[in-house]
Protein backbone atom coordinates (compact mmCIF):
# COMPACT_ATOMS: atom_id res chain seq x y z
CA MET A 1 -124.37 -146.68 95.31
CA LYS A 2 -122.00 -143.80 94.72
CA SER A 3 -119.92 -144.60 97.79
CA LEU A 4 -119.78 -148.27 96.79
CA THR A 5 -118.25 -147.31 93.40
CA ILE A 6 -115.69 -145.04 95.08
CA ASN A 7 -114.73 -147.78 97.56
CA ALA A 8 -114.31 -150.32 94.72
CA LEU A 9 -112.07 -147.92 92.77
CA THR A 10 -109.98 -147.18 95.85
CA ILE A 11 -109.47 -150.90 96.57
CA GLY A 12 -108.54 -151.57 92.92
CA MET A 13 -105.92 -148.80 92.87
CA ALA A 14 -104.46 -149.96 96.16
CA ALA A 15 -104.13 -153.53 94.79
CA ALA A 16 -102.43 -152.33 91.57
CA LEU A 17 -100.00 -150.18 93.54
CA SER A 18 -99.11 -153.03 95.86
CA LEU A 19 -98.50 -155.45 92.93
CA GLY A 20 -96.22 -152.91 91.24
CA LEU A 21 -94.12 -152.40 94.38
CA SER A 22 -93.69 -156.14 94.95
CA ALA A 23 -92.53 -156.56 91.32
CA CYS A 24 -89.92 -153.81 91.82
CA ASN A 25 -88.65 -155.53 94.97
CA ARG A 26 -88.32 -158.86 93.11
CA ASN A 27 -86.25 -157.21 90.36
CA ALA A 28 -84.02 -155.52 92.93
CA ASP A 29 -83.49 -158.83 94.77
CA ALA A 30 -82.59 -160.62 91.52
CA GLY A 31 -79.77 -158.11 90.91
CA THR A 32 -77.95 -158.96 94.16
CA SER A 33 -76.62 -162.28 95.37
CA ALA A 34 -76.96 -163.74 98.83
CA ASP A 35 -73.67 -162.13 99.93
CA GLY A 36 -74.82 -158.69 98.78
CA GLY A 37 -72.62 -158.63 95.61
CA THR A 38 -73.77 -158.06 92.07
CA ALA A 39 -75.24 -161.01 90.15
CA ALA A 40 -73.15 -162.75 87.47
CA SER A 41 -74.98 -161.15 84.56
CA GLY A 42 -74.10 -157.66 85.77
CA ALA A 43 -70.36 -158.47 86.14
CA ALA A 44 -69.98 -160.08 82.70
CA ALA A 45 -70.47 -156.87 80.73
CA PRO A 46 -67.51 -154.91 82.14
CA ALA A 47 -65.18 -157.95 81.95
CA GLU A 48 -66.18 -158.59 78.35
CA ALA A 49 -65.64 -154.96 77.43
CA ASP A 50 -62.06 -155.26 78.72
CA ASN A 51 -61.37 -157.95 76.05
CA TYR A 52 -61.85 -155.51 73.16
CA ALA A 53 -59.54 -152.81 71.86
CA ARG A 54 -60.49 -149.73 69.86
CA VAL A 55 -59.20 -149.75 66.27
CA VAL A 56 -57.26 -146.59 65.46
CA SER A 57 -56.53 -147.23 61.77
CA VAL A 58 -56.66 -149.98 59.14
CA ASP A 59 -54.20 -149.89 56.22
CA PRO A 60 -54.58 -152.38 53.33
CA VAL A 61 -51.30 -154.17 52.46
CA ARG A 62 -50.79 -154.90 48.77
CA LYS A 63 -48.14 -156.93 46.98
CA THR A 64 -47.16 -156.61 43.32
CA VAL A 65 -47.08 -159.98 41.58
CA ASN A 66 -45.31 -160.42 38.24
CA ASN A 67 -46.84 -163.03 35.92
CA PRO A 68 -44.69 -163.03 32.76
CA LYS A 69 -46.47 -164.25 29.68
CA GLN A 70 -45.45 -164.95 26.11
CA VAL A 71 -46.98 -162.84 23.34
CA CYS A 72 -46.59 -164.08 19.75
CA LYS A 73 -47.40 -162.44 16.43
CA ASP A 74 -46.90 -163.35 12.79
CA GLU A 75 -44.74 -161.05 10.66
CA VAL A 76 -44.21 -161.05 6.90
CA VAL A 77 -40.49 -161.11 6.14
CA THR A 78 -39.32 -160.21 2.64
CA GLN A 79 -35.94 -161.53 1.59
CA THR A 80 -33.97 -160.57 -1.49
CA THR A 81 -32.07 -163.31 -3.26
CA PRO A 82 -29.24 -162.17 -5.56
CA PRO A 83 -29.46 -163.15 -9.24
CA LYS A 84 -27.73 -166.32 -10.33
CA ASP A 85 -25.15 -164.44 -12.41
CA GLU A 86 -24.41 -161.70 -9.92
CA HIS A 87 -21.28 -160.42 -11.74
CA ARG A 88 -22.97 -160.54 -15.18
CA ILE A 89 -20.23 -162.71 -16.66
CA ALA A 90 -22.51 -164.14 -19.36
CA GLY A 91 -23.52 -160.69 -20.66
CA THR A 92 -19.95 -159.48 -20.61
CA ALA A 93 -18.69 -162.57 -22.46
CA ILE A 94 -21.41 -162.49 -25.12
CA GLY A 95 -20.90 -158.74 -25.61
CA ALA A 96 -17.13 -159.18 -25.89
CA VAL A 97 -17.48 -161.92 -28.51
CA ALA A 98 -20.01 -159.91 -30.52
CA GLY A 99 -17.89 -156.73 -30.28
CA GLY A 100 -14.74 -158.62 -31.26
CA LEU A 101 -16.47 -160.07 -34.34
CA LEU A 102 -17.69 -156.63 -35.37
CA GLY A 103 -14.22 -155.09 -34.77
CA ASN A 104 -12.64 -157.86 -36.80
CA GLN A 105 -14.71 -156.77 -39.82
CA VAL A 106 -13.10 -153.33 -39.82
CA GLY A 107 -9.72 -152.52 -41.36
CA GLY A 108 -6.78 -154.74 -42.11
CA GLY A 109 -3.40 -155.72 -40.60
CA LYS A 110 -2.50 -154.13 -37.30
CA GLY A 111 -5.61 -151.94 -37.50
CA LYS A 112 -7.75 -155.03 -37.76
CA THR A 113 -6.26 -156.45 -34.57
CA LEU A 114 -6.69 -153.15 -32.80
CA ALA A 115 -10.32 -152.88 -33.99
CA THR A 116 -11.00 -156.46 -32.82
CA VAL A 117 -9.62 -155.72 -29.32
CA ALA A 118 -11.51 -152.42 -29.10
CA GLY A 119 -14.70 -154.12 -30.32
CA ALA A 120 -14.29 -156.89 -27.73
CA ILE A 121 -13.79 -154.37 -24.89
CA GLY A 122 -16.71 -152.20 -26.02
CA GLY A 123 -18.96 -155.20 -26.62
CA GLY A 124 -18.11 -156.68 -23.19
CA TYR A 125 -19.02 -153.44 -21.46
CA ALA A 126 -22.24 -153.09 -23.43
CA GLY A 127 -23.19 -156.72 -22.72
CA ASN A 128 -22.56 -156.21 -19.01
CA ARG A 129 -24.82 -153.11 -18.90
CA ILE A 130 -27.58 -154.80 -20.92
CA GLN A 131 -27.62 -157.80 -18.56
CA ALA A 132 -27.64 -155.44 -15.55
CA SER A 133 -30.73 -153.62 -16.80
CA ARG A 134 -32.63 -156.87 -17.42
CA GLN A 135 -31.49 -158.65 -14.31
CA HIS A 136 -33.62 -158.04 -11.18
CA ALA A 137 -33.13 -159.35 -7.71
CA ASN A 138 -35.65 -161.99 -6.76
CA THR A 139 -37.70 -161.38 -3.62
CA THR A 140 -39.45 -163.99 -1.55
CA SER A 141 -41.89 -163.36 1.29
CA THR A 142 -42.37 -165.71 4.21
CA VAL A 143 -44.44 -165.52 7.38
CA GLU A 144 -42.42 -165.89 10.56
CA ARG A 145 -43.75 -166.11 14.09
CA HIS A 146 -41.96 -163.90 16.62
CA CYS A 147 -42.57 -164.39 20.35
CA ASP A 148 -41.59 -162.06 23.18
CA THR A 149 -41.95 -162.45 26.94
CA VAL A 150 -43.71 -159.48 28.52
CA ASN A 151 -44.22 -158.69 32.18
CA ASN A 152 -47.82 -158.84 33.33
CA SER A 153 -47.84 -157.21 36.77
CA SER A 154 -50.87 -157.18 39.04
CA THR A 155 -51.48 -155.98 42.59
CA LYS A 156 -52.83 -158.42 45.16
CA LEU A 157 -54.30 -157.60 48.59
CA VAL A 158 -52.39 -159.67 51.18
CA GLY A 159 -53.78 -158.33 54.46
CA TYR A 160 -54.42 -155.33 56.68
CA ASP A 161 -52.11 -153.56 59.12
CA VAL A 162 -54.41 -152.79 62.06
CA ARG A 163 -53.41 -150.21 64.69
CA TYR A 164 -55.43 -150.55 67.88
CA GLU A 165 -55.39 -149.03 71.33
CA TYR A 166 -55.70 -151.30 74.36
CA LYS A 167 -55.48 -149.94 77.91
CA GLY A 168 -53.73 -146.77 76.74
CA VAL A 169 -51.09 -148.57 74.61
CA THR A 170 -51.18 -148.48 70.79
CA ARG A 171 -50.10 -151.65 68.98
CA THR A 172 -50.10 -152.88 65.37
CA VAL A 173 -50.99 -156.33 64.08
CA ARG A 174 -51.41 -157.71 60.54
CA MET A 175 -54.77 -159.36 59.97
CA ASP A 176 -56.30 -161.14 56.99
CA HIS A 177 -59.47 -159.02 57.12
CA ASP A 178 -60.65 -155.52 58.03
CA PRO A 179 -61.76 -155.85 61.68
CA GLY A 180 -64.07 -152.86 61.83
CA ASP A 181 -64.07 -150.45 64.78
CA ARG A 182 -62.80 -152.82 67.50
CA VAL A 183 -60.86 -156.08 67.86
CA LYS A 184 -60.98 -158.80 70.45
CA VAL A 185 -57.72 -159.28 72.34
CA GLU A 186 -56.45 -162.24 74.33
CA GLU A 187 -53.96 -162.47 77.15
CA GLY A 188 -50.60 -161.22 75.99
CA VAL A 189 -52.47 -158.46 74.14
CA THR A 190 -52.89 -160.20 70.81
CA ALA A 191 -55.70 -159.12 68.49
CA VAL A 192 -57.56 -162.23 67.39
CA SER A 193 -60.84 -161.31 65.75
CA ASP A 194 -63.22 -158.61 64.73
CA ALA A 195 -66.17 -157.40 66.80
CA ARG A 196 -68.33 -154.88 64.94
């Protein structure tokens, strides 16, 4: 019985070993074509890797945009209007008449005339000063809207200057996005897209 178990184990191990070797041979045959070259899947990887360039640096490009806008605010403006009788003619005239009448009451003859003239001059001056002290300039306040145009500048991102190295040559291209660590290149060495 013991030898039967050992023989069965030996046969089982031999079968497993033989299946494993045949699987390895199938995988090795699949990797080569009939003419002994490498299969298409093996060649695609190096060719595809040649279509990508390593990104050296990415610099954002910004543009300053000026958007002028109008800002308005209300201001109280006080204006002074001069009095109607700016030169105080009425006060001077009334004072002169009153002073002349008072001067006329004093003395007689030439002295009376002199007193009337002096009274008129003194009364005119006094009337002028009295009107000046009572007369005030009128002020009026109005609300006026004042508008000014102010510059409203803002910075806008317009693209990225991408420096990349392809087959030992460093080139720069402007892209509309950050490509990451490598870019796909086409014939003529033009970066076309990102490949992270």
